[in-house]
Every structure is written in structure tokens, then in C-alpha cells.
Amino acid sequence: MIVVWLLALVAGLATAAFGSRRAVTAALDASSASSIPPGIIGLTVMAVGTDLPELANSIAAAFGGYGDVLVGDAAGSALTQVTLILGLLCLGSTPIHADRTTVLTVGTLTAAALLVGALLVRDERLTRWEGVFLVAAWGVAIVVIQRRRLVDHVGVRPPVAPGSTARHVAATIGWLAVVGLAATVVVDSFIELSDRLGVPELVASAIVLSLGTSLPELVVDWTAIRRGAVALAIGDLFGSSLLDATLALGIGPAMRAVSVSPTAATACIIAAMGVTAATVIAGSRPSHGRPSATLLFLVYAIATLALVVGTT
């Protein structure tokens, strides 16, 4: 039976990654056709598109009563994307040139949001109003970033694909539905496997599940870098991390309050420290290659070890 759930987990993750990429493509086409400013794409459209598995997992976990899975995946994904995923992208043949102001600002906001999340779960519960607050915090952060004109550095407008805006929006909604269904399968399979193997949900979700739900960022941003849209990829990674620490952490509880274990706050604090270290690394130099990748991998390894020790 474990094999069946494992196959369901892998199939769900693969489908979510595929659906996320298609949803992002459709959203970008809709953005181009509707003349949305190109600078906002990386930190919003791309971030939301590649973070669809985390958003769907947050909702599914909240309605299933699995608060540790919700917090673990949100905090773990925020950490994974700006450490492990960014490190893997730095290993490519093309040097990554990051806008330091954008990286430092968005990274700082993400770390702050994770610390706020730690404060909110100290009472071992995320209420609906706390969830609404986290969702609103993402919107406020995006407004702050937009007002500071940081997104002007993120990428270029993609070519307009044939078809009307309505057609691209419909395609986006369709692929969002695919991702949502796949993410539900992932959560159910993950819960079953964790229970059968006796692995604490918080640790497993913060490390293993976050790797799976971060696959869309790796796939989409690797493609973006190969197409020369390096800044767009960086915007997506840090934008996704910010979204995980706010919208993904709050959207599930905003619909249904959840209970969490006493170590949930520790997971958020460790993730905040890891994000801070990754932000310093990414913002300390204009170009990133193998040396930066080594440092980012080290941060991820230390944070992962801290998660295992601090939450078990």
C-alpha cells in the first residue's frame, strides 16, 4: 500500500509541476495581451503561478486539519527556493546577475514575514483572522515593492502570443484547476506516507514536501535563464519565497483555522534565518556562479539540520 501512495505522490508532484508551468505560460500571455506593466510579472504573476502547489496545499491541509503540514511546507518552501533552488540555478553555464536592491528588499520582507508567522503560531494555532492578516500582508508587500519601483528591474515583456485576453485567462484558470487537484493528491499521499512511516509531519513537510512543491520554480526559472530572462527568474524565486511566508501560510487558515504543534514557531524562525543568510549572499555581489551556489547549499544544509534537530 505504501508503494501505491508513493506513486500517487510522485504523479501528483509531476502533474503539479507540469500544470504550474502551463499556467504560468498562459498567465504571461494574458499579461502581455492586456498590457500589464512587464516589471510586475516576475514578483507577482510568475511567483503566484509557480507557487500554486503551495497555495493549494495550504488550503487542502487546512481543511484536512493538518496544521503542521501547512506551516512546514510554507516555511520550508520559502527557505528552499532562495537557497537550494537558487544554488542549482547558479550552477548553470550562464552567470546570474541579480538586482541587489530588489533581492535585499524582498528577502528582508520575507524573513520579517516568517518571524511574524512564528509569533502567530506561538499559541499553537492559526486563526482565520491571522490567516487573513497574512494574506493581506502579501498584498501590502507587493504595493510597497511596486511603489519603490523595484519591479522595474525584473525582466522584459514576453512576446504577445496569438489569441485574445479572455482565451489566455480561460487557459490560466484551467491549468490552475489541474494544479489544485494534483496538489490535493500530493497532500493526501504525503499524510498517508508520513503516518505509515512514523515521520513527524512538520519535519517531513518542511524538508521533503517543500522540495516537491518547489519543483515548479526550478523548472520555470531554469527555462527563463536559458532564454536570457535571468532577472525574471530571480524575481520569481524571491517573489515565491515572499508569497510562501505570507499568502501560502495564511490562505488556508483564512478559510479554516488550524492547530499546530509547539515546534511550528521554531520552523518559521529557522526558515527566517536561512532566508536572511541567502538574501545576504545574493545581495552581496552583482554576479553569481559556483561560489555562490556552494554558500547557498551550505545555508540550506545547516538550516535543514537545524529543522530536524529543533523540531523533533
Protein backbone atom coordinates (compact mmCIF):
# COMPACT_ATOMS: atom_id res chain seq x y z
CA MET A 1 0.00 0.00 0.00
CA ILE A 2 2.94 2.30 0.69
CA VAL A 3 4.06 1.86 -2.93
CA VAL A 4 0.65 2.99 -4.16
CA TRP A 5 0.75 6.17 -2.05
CA LEU A 6 4.34 6.82 -3.13
CA LEU A 7 3.37 6.52 -6.79
CA ALA A 8 0.40 8.84 -6.18
CA LEU A 9 2.73 11.37 -4.52
CA VAL A 10 5.19 11.32 -7.42
CA ALA A 11 2.41 11.54 -10.00
CA GLY A 12 0.78 14.42 -8.13
CA LEU A 13 4.03 16.37 -7.89
CA ALA A 14 4.81 15.80 -11.57
CA THR A 15 1.33 16.89 -12.60
CA ALA A 16 1.51 19.96 -10.36
CA ALA A 17 4.88 20.95 -11.83
CA PHE A 18 3.61 20.47 -15.40
CA GLY A 19 0.37 22.30 -14.71
CA SER A 20 2.19 25.16 -12.99
CA ARG A 21 4.41 25.72 -15.99
CA ARG A 22 1.44 25.75 -18.34
CA ALA A 23 -0.50 28.05 -16.03
CA VAL A 24 2.42 30.48 -15.87
CA THR A 25 2.76 30.49 -19.66
CA ALA A 26 -0.95 31.23 -20.05
CA ALA A 27 -0.80 33.94 -17.38
CA LEU A 28 2.16 35.59 -19.10
CA ASP A 29 0.28 35.54 -22.40
CA ALA A 30 -2.72 37.15 -20.70
CA SER A 31 -0.43 39.74 -19.14
CA SER A 32 1.06 40.66 -22.49
CA ALA A 33 -2.29 40.80 -24.24
CA SER A 34 -3.74 43.06 -21.52
CA SER A 35 -0.73 45.44 -21.41
CA ILE A 36 0.10 44.82 -17.75
CA PRO A 37 3.48 46.50 -16.97
CA PRO A 38 6.24 43.93 -17.54
CA GLY A 39 8.09 44.69 -14.31
CA ILE A 40 5.31 43.27 -12.16
CA ILE A 41 5.37 39.85 -13.86
CA GLY A 42 8.33 38.33 -12.04
CA LEU A 43 7.26 39.14 -8.49
CA THR A 44 3.54 38.57 -8.95
CA VAL A 45 2.32 36.56 -11.94
CA MET A 46 5.36 34.27 -12.05
CA ALA A 47 5.50 33.95 -8.26
CA VAL A 48 1.81 33.11 -7.94
CA GLY A 49 1.96 30.72 -10.89
CA THR A 50 4.93 28.71 -9.66
CA ASP A 51 3.61 28.75 -6.07
CA LEU A 52 0.27 27.21 -6.95
CA PRO A 53 1.18 23.86 -5.34
CA GLU A 54 1.96 25.59 -2.02
CA LEU A 55 -1.28 27.58 -2.18
CA ALA A 56 -3.34 24.50 -2.97
CA ASN A 57 -1.53 22.50 -0.29
CA SER A 58 -2.25 25.24 2.27
CA ILE A 59 -5.98 25.05 1.56
CA ALA A 60 -6.08 21.25 1.44
CA ALA A 61 -4.06 20.91 4.66
CA ALA A 62 -6.23 23.46 6.46
CA PHE A 63 -9.48 21.69 5.58
CA GLY A 64 -7.87 18.36 6.46
CA GLY A 65 -6.76 19.64 9.85
CA TYR A 66 -3.03 19.20 9.18
CA GLY A 67 -1.60 22.44 10.53
CA ASP A 68 1.99 21.19 10.73
CA VAL A 69 1.92 20.22 7.06
CA LEU A 70 0.67 23.71 6.19
CA VAL A 71 3.32 25.56 8.24
CA GLY A 72 6.10 23.16 7.35
CA ASP A 73 5.51 23.39 3.60
CA ALA A 74 5.17 27.20 3.64
CA ALA A 75 8.27 27.82 5.75
CA GLY A 76 10.27 25.06 4.09
CA SER A 77 9.43 26.27 0.59
CA ALA A 78 10.34 29.87 1.46
CA LEU A 79 13.74 28.58 2.57
CA THR A 80 14.25 26.04 -0.23
CA GLN A 81 13.59 28.43 -3.10
CA VAL A 82 16.21 31.06 -2.17
CA THR A 83 18.84 28.54 -1.06
CA LEU A 84 18.73 25.15 -2.79
CA ILE A 85 16.84 26.18 -5.95
CA LEU A 86 18.82 29.41 -6.39
CA GLY A 87 22.03 27.46 -5.79
CA LEU A 88 21.12 24.96 -8.51
CA LEU A 89 20.42 27.80 -10.94
CA CYS A 90 23.84 29.30 -10.11
CA LEU A 91 25.47 26.08 -11.38
CA GLY A 92 24.33 26.79 -14.94
CA SER A 93 26.66 27.99 -17.66
CA THR A 94 25.14 31.48 -17.59
CA PRO A 95 26.17 33.76 -14.68
CA ILE A 96 23.22 35.07 -12.72
CA HIS A 97 23.08 38.84 -12.38
CA ALA A 98 20.73 39.83 -9.57
CA ASP A 99 19.39 43.30 -8.88
CA ARG A 100 20.75 43.80 -5.37
CA THR A 101 18.13 46.32 -4.24
CA THR A 102 15.27 44.03 -5.22
CA VAL A 103 16.91 40.98 -3.62
CA LEU A 104 17.67 42.76 -0.34
CA THR A 105 14.22 44.35 -0.08
CA VAL A 106 12.17 41.26 -0.95
CA GLY A 107 14.42 38.96 1.07
CA THR A 108 14.13 41.20 4.13
CA LEU A 109 10.34 41.33 3.81
CA THR A 110 10.25 37.52 3.56
CA ALA A 111 12.37 37.00 6.68
CA ALA A 112 10.23 39.52 8.58
CA ALA A 113 7.05 37.75 7.48
CA LEU A 114 8.38 34.39 8.70
CA LEU A 115 9.18 35.90 12.08
CA VAL A 116 5.65 37.31 12.25
CA GLY A 117 4.40 33.84 11.39
CA ALA A 118 6.44 32.44 14.28
CA LEU A 119 4.76 34.90 16.63
CA LEU A 120 1.31 33.97 15.34
CA VAL A 121 1.76 30.21 15.89
CA ARG A 122 3.20 30.54 19.41
CA ASP A 123 -0.24 29.69 20.82
CA GLU A 124 -0.21 26.52 18.67
CA ARG A 125 -2.99 27.78 16.42
CA LEU A 126 -3.56 29.86 13.30
CA THR A 127 -6.95 31.53 13.42
CA ARG A 128 -8.98 32.73 10.47
CA TRP A 129 -8.21 36.38 11.28
CA GLU A 130 -4.49 35.61 11.49
CA GLY A 131 -4.75 33.92 8.11
CA VAL A 132 -6.50 36.96 6.67
CA PHE A 133 -3.74 39.16 8.13
CA LEU A 134 -1.02 37.09 6.40
CA VAL A 135 -2.88 37.20 3.09
CA ALA A 136 -3.23 40.97 3.38
CA ALA A 137 0.46 41.25 4.29
CA TRP A 138 1.38 39.84 0.89
CA GLY A 139 -0.74 42.45 -0.84
CA VAL A 140 0.81 45.24 1.22
CA ALA A 141 4.32 43.97 0.48
CA ILE A 142 3.63 43.95 -3.27
CA VAL A 143 2.31 47.52 -3.08
CA VAL A 144 5.46 48.59 -1.19
CA ILE A 145 7.68 46.94 -3.79
CA GLN A 146 5.73 48.49 -6.65
CA ARG A 147 5.83 51.96 -5.10
CA ARG A 148 9.59 51.72 -4.72
CA ARG A 149 9.79 50.84 -8.42
CA LEU A 150 11.90 47.77 -7.65
CA VAL A 151 10.00 45.60 -10.12
CA ASP A 152 11.18 47.81 -12.98
CA HIS A 153 14.35 45.74 -12.88
CA VAL A 154 12.58 42.42 -13.31
CA GLY A 155 12.72 41.02 -16.80
CA VAL A 156 11.26 42.19 -20.06
CA ARG A 157 7.83 41.90 -21.57
CA PRO A 158 7.39 38.49 -23.21
CA PRO A 159 6.20 38.39 -26.82
CA VAL A 160 2.44 38.55 -27.21
CA ALA A 161 1.03 35.13 -28.01
CA PRO A 162 -1.78 34.79 -30.52
CA GLY A 163 -5.29 34.83 -29.08
CA SER A 164 -7.49 37.13 -27.04
CA THR A 165 -7.00 38.04 -23.40
CA ALA A 166 -10.14 36.07 -22.49
CA ARG A 167 -8.71 32.95 -24.10
CA HIS A 168 -5.45 33.22 -22.15
CA VAL A 169 -7.32 33.87 -18.91
CA ALA A 170 -9.50 30.81 -19.52
CA ALA A 171 -6.39 28.71 -20.14
CA THR A 172 -4.84 30.01 -16.93
CA ILE A 173 -7.94 29.07 -14.92
CA GLY A 174 -7.99 25.61 -16.49
CA TRP A 175 -4.38 24.88 -15.59
CA LEU A 176 -4.93 26.29 -12.09
CA ALA A 177 -7.65 23.66 -11.63
CA VAL A 178 -5.23 20.94 -12.71
CA VAL A 179 -2.63 22.13 -10.20
CA GLY A 180 -5.21 22.32 -7.43
CA LEU A 181 -6.37 18.74 -7.99
CA ALA A 182 -2.79 17.48 -8.23
CA ALA A 183 -1.82 19.28 -5.03
CA THR A 184 -4.74 17.68 -3.20
CA VAL A 185 -3.44 14.25 -4.24
CA VAL A 186 0.04 15.25 -3.05
CA VAL A 187 -1.21 16.29 0.40
CA ASP A 188 -3.32 13.14 0.87
CA SER A 189 -0.47 10.87 -0.26
CA PHE A 190 2.05 12.71 1.87
CA ILE A 191 -0.09 12.43 5.00
CA GLU A 192 -0.59 8.70 4.47
CA LEU A 193 3.13 8.09 3.92
CA SER A 194 4.11 10.16 6.97
CA ASP A 195 1.67 8.26 9.18
CA ARG A 196 2.77 4.85 7.91
CA LEU A 197 6.49 5.62 8.21
CA GLY A 198 6.17 7.37 11.56
CA VAL A 199 7.85 10.58 10.35
CA PRO A 200 6.80 13.80 12.16
CA GLU A 201 4.62 15.82 9.79
CA LEU A 202 6.38 19.14 10.48
CA VAL A 203 9.86 17.82 9.68
CA ALA A 204 8.76 15.85 6.63
CA SER A 205 6.73 18.71 5.17
CA ALA A 206 9.43 21.33 5.81
CA ILE A 207 12.08 19.23 4.06
CA VAL A 208 10.57 16.62 1.73
CA LEU A 209 7.24 18.17 0.71
CA SER A 210 8.81 21.61 0.24
CA LEU A 211 11.26 20.08 -2.25
CA GLY A 212 8.37 18.71 -4.27
CA THR A 213 6.30 21.87 -4.23
CA SER A 214 9.39 23.91 -5.21
CA LEU A 215 9.86 21.93 -8.43
CA PRO A 216 7.83 24.45 -10.49
CA GLU A 217 10.29 27.23 -9.55
CA LEU A 218 13.24 25.10 -10.65
CA VAL A 219 11.63 24.10 -13.95
CA VAL A 220 10.25 27.53 -14.86
CA ASP A 221 13.26 29.58 -13.73
CA TRP A 222 15.78 27.26 -15.38
CA THR A 223 13.84 27.75 -18.61
CA ALA A 224 13.75 31.52 -18.05
CA ILE A 225 17.52 31.66 -17.55
CA ARG A 226 18.15 29.60 -20.70
CA ARG A 227 16.03 32.15 -22.57
CA GLY A 228 18.08 35.03 -21.17
CA ALA A 229 15.45 36.23 -18.69
CA VAL A 230 17.74 35.97 -15.64
CA ALA A 231 16.19 38.89 -13.77
CA LEU A 232 12.73 37.42 -14.30
CA ALA A 233 13.91 34.16 -12.70
CA ILE A 234 15.39 35.96 -9.68
CA GLY A 235 12.18 37.94 -9.27
CA ASP A 236 10.18 34.72 -9.35
CA LEU A 237 12.37 32.97 -6.76
CA PHE A 238 12.32 35.77 -4.22
CA GLY A 239 8.72 36.63 -5.03
CA SER A 240 7.72 33.00 -4.46
CA SER A 241 9.59 32.93 -1.15
CA LEU A 242 7.75 36.07 -0.02
CA LEU A 243 4.46 34.57 -1.14
CA ASP A 244 5.14 31.36 0.83
CA ALA A 245 5.82 33.34 4.02
CA THR A 246 2.58 35.31 3.68
CA LEU A 247 -0.12 34.23 1.25
CA ALA A 248 0.62 30.48 1.29
CA LEU A 249 0.96 30.46 5.08
CA GLY A 250 -2.29 32.36 5.54
CA ILE A 251 -4.69 31.36 2.77
CA GLY A 252 -5.60 28.00 4.29
CA PRO A 253 -6.20 29.28 7.85
CA ALA A 254 -8.11 32.24 6.40
CA MET A 255 -10.70 29.68 5.27
CA ARG A 256 -10.44 27.34 8.25
CA ALA A 257 -8.46 27.75 11.47
CA VAL A 258 -5.84 25.08 12.19
CA SER A 259 -3.91 23.80 15.18
CA VAL A 260 -0.14 23.32 15.04
CA SER A 261 2.50 21.66 17.20
CA PRO A 262 4.68 23.62 19.68
CA THR A 263 7.64 23.38 17.29
CA ALA A 264 5.90 25.19 14.39
CA ALA A 265 7.28 28.53 15.59
CA THR A 266 10.79 27.06 15.60
CA ALA A 267 10.42 26.02 11.96
CA CYS A 268 9.42 29.56 10.99
CA ILE A 269 12.36 31.07 12.88
CA ILE A 270 14.88 28.69 11.30
CA ALA A 271 13.45 29.42 7.85
CA ALA A 272 13.70 33.16 8.54
CA MET A 273 17.38 32.80 9.47
CA GLY A 274 18.07 30.78 6.33
CA VAL A 275 16.28 33.30 4.11
CA THR A 276 18.26 36.11 5.74
CA ALA A 277 21.56 34.35 5.03
CA ALA A 278 20.55 33.66 1.41
CA THR A 279 19.50 37.29 0.97
CA VAL A 280 22.89 38.50 2.19
CA ILE A 281 24.67 36.12 -0.20
CA ALA A 282 22.50 37.03 -3.21
CA GLY A 283 22.63 40.74 -2.43
CA SER A 284 26.34 41.00 -1.65
CA ARG A 285 27.58 40.69 -5.23
CA PRO A 286 26.26 41.51 -8.71
CA SER A 287 27.08 38.16 -10.33
CA HIS A 288 26.60 34.61 -9.07
CA GLY A 289 28.14 31.31 -10.12
CA ARG A 290 29.60 28.24 -8.40
CA PRO A 291 30.99 30.08 -5.32
CA SER A 292 27.54 31.48 -4.56
CA ALA A 293 25.99 28.06 -5.19
CA THR A 294 28.34 26.49 -2.63
CA LEU A 295 27.40 29.06 0.01
CA LEU A 296 23.68 28.68 -0.69
CA PHE A 297 23.91 24.87 -0.47
CA LEU A 298 25.70 25.25 2.85
CA VAL A 299 22.95 27.52 4.20
CA TYR A 300 20.31 25.02 3.08
CA ALA A 301 22.18 22.10 4.70
CA ILE A 302 22.64 23.92 8.02
CA ALA A 303 19.01 25.08 8.07
CA THR A 304 17.78 21.59 7.24
CA LEU A 305 19.84 20.08 10.04
CA ALA A 306 18.53 22.75 12.40
CA LEU A 307 14.96 21.90 11.37
CA VAL A 308 15.49 18.23 12.13
CA VAL A 309 17.12 18.92 15.50
CA GLY A 310 14.88 21.81 16.52
CA THR A 311 11.51 20.31 15.62
CA THR A 312 11.88 16.72 16.81
